[in-house]
Amino acid sequence: MAIGEETDRFVVTKQEEVDSSAGMKGTEYTVKTDDGKTYKCQIFEPSRLGKIVSFGTAAGADALCTDFTQGSPSQGKTNQANCNALLRAAHKCD
């Protein structure tokens, strides 16, 4: 949903842990779509410790995806599905 494609129209080509704040677990995915687009998506979710400390009330987070397709007019911008007021003000949305 974060890149606006059906699950059968893309593949995850890379997955790695990324730095995140205490109590959170961060993962970055590289995604390639059938039509040749490339996205980097980051998902931050409560770690096991974060869930314990918050007594299970820590909320999860949506994926935040950025277009990394070479030559794309949207390169470096966040996919509209994930855009918020702060990203819009910074002109970081597609």
Protein backbone atom coordinates (compact mmCIF):
# COMPACT_ATOMS: atom_id res chain seq x y z
CA MET A 1 0.00 0.00 0.00
CA ALA A 2 2.86 2.40 0.75
CA ILE A 3 3.96 2.54 -2.90
CA GLY A 4 0.50 2.28 -4.43
CA GLU A 5 1.15 -1.07 -6.16
CA GLU A 6 -0.53 -4.44 -5.81
CA THR A 7 1.63 -7.02 -4.00
CA ASP A 8 2.04 -9.13 -7.14
CA ARG A 9 3.51 -6.12 -9.04
CA PHE A 10 6.76 -5.68 -7.07
CA VAL A 11 9.57 -7.60 -5.35
CA VAL A 12 11.66 -6.79 -2.29
CA THR A 13 15.29 -7.02 -3.43
CA LYS A 14 17.04 -6.06 -0.19
CA GLN A 15 16.23 -5.86 3.50
CA GLU A 16 18.44 -4.49 6.28
CA GLU A 17 18.20 -3.18 9.82
CA VAL A 18 18.59 0.60 10.24
CA ASP A 19 19.28 2.83 13.22
CA SER A 20 16.22 3.85 15.16
CA SER A 21 15.35 5.41 18.49
CA ALA A 22 15.32 3.45 21.73
CA GLY A 23 12.42 1.04 21.99
CA MET A 24 11.96 0.93 18.21
CA LYS A 25 13.12 -1.47 15.51
CA GLY A 26 13.86 -0.06 12.05
CA THR A 27 14.02 -1.99 8.77
CA GLU A 28 14.77 -0.63 5.29
CA TYR A 29 13.57 -2.43 2.18
CA THR A 30 14.56 -1.87 -1.43
CA VAL A 31 11.55 -2.50 -3.66
CA LYS A 32 11.48 -2.86 -7.46
CA THR A 33 8.18 -2.72 -9.34
CA ASP A 34 7.25 -4.54 -12.54
CA ASP A 35 7.27 -1.21 -14.41
CA GLY A 36 10.89 -0.48 -13.44
CA LYS A 37 10.49 1.86 -10.47
CA THR A 38 12.74 1.56 -7.40
CA TYR A 39 11.73 2.58 -3.88
CA LYS A 40 13.49 2.58 -0.53
CA CYS A 41 10.97 1.96 2.24
CA GLN A 42 11.56 2.25 5.96
CA ILE A 43 9.36 0.76 8.62
CA PHE A 44 9.77 1.61 12.28
CA GLU A 45 7.88 -0.51 14.78
CA PRO A 46 8.10 -1.07 18.52
CA SER A 47 10.86 -3.49 19.50
CA ARG A 48 10.25 -6.22 22.04
CA LEU A 49 11.65 -3.86 24.71
CA GLY A 50 9.43 -1.03 23.46
CA LYS A 51 6.36 -3.22 23.80
CA ILE A 52 7.32 -4.27 27.32
CA VAL A 53 8.08 -0.73 28.51
CA SER A 54 4.81 0.59 27.08
CA PHE A 55 2.82 -2.41 28.42
CA GLY A 56 1.92 -3.33 24.85
CA THR A 57 0.44 0.06 23.97
CA ALA A 58 3.24 1.24 21.65
CA ALA A 59 1.76 1.83 18.21
CA GLY A 60 3.22 0.48 14.99
CA ALA A 61 4.11 2.67 12.03
CA ASP A 62 3.38 2.64 8.33
CA ALA A 63 6.10 2.26 5.73
CA LEU A 64 7.64 5.49 4.49
CA CYS A 65 8.73 5.01 0.87
CA THR A 66 10.94 7.26 -1.24
CA ASP A 67 11.28 7.04 -5.02
CA PHE A 68 14.85 6.11 -6.01
CA THR A 69 14.11 5.49 -9.70
CA GLN A 70 16.97 6.99 -11.70
CA GLY A 71 15.77 9.82 -13.95
CA SER A 72 12.29 9.91 -12.41
CA PRO A 73 10.79 13.37 -11.87
CA SER A 74 9.75 12.05 -8.43
CA GLN A 75 13.25 10.83 -7.49
CA GLY A 76 13.96 11.57 -3.83
CA LYS A 77 10.34 12.33 -3.01
CA THR A 78 8.08 10.44 -0.64
CA ASN A 79 5.21 8.50 -2.16
CA GLN A 80 1.90 10.37 -1.85
CA ALA A 81 0.38 7.49 0.14
CA ASN A 82 2.73 8.38 3.02
CA CYS A 83 2.82 12.14 2.74
CA ASN A 84 2.03 14.31 5.74
CA ALA A 85 1.94 18.07 6.31
CA LEU A 86 5.59 18.25 7.37
CA LEU A 87 6.83 16.39 4.28
CA ARG A 88 4.59 18.52 2.04
CA ALA A 89 5.99 21.73 3.55
CA ALA A 90 9.52 20.50 2.82
CA HIS A 91 8.50 19.73 -0.80
CA LYS A 92 9.44 16.07 -0.25
CA CYS A 93 6.20 14.59 -1.61
CA ASP A 94 5.43 13.25 -5.05
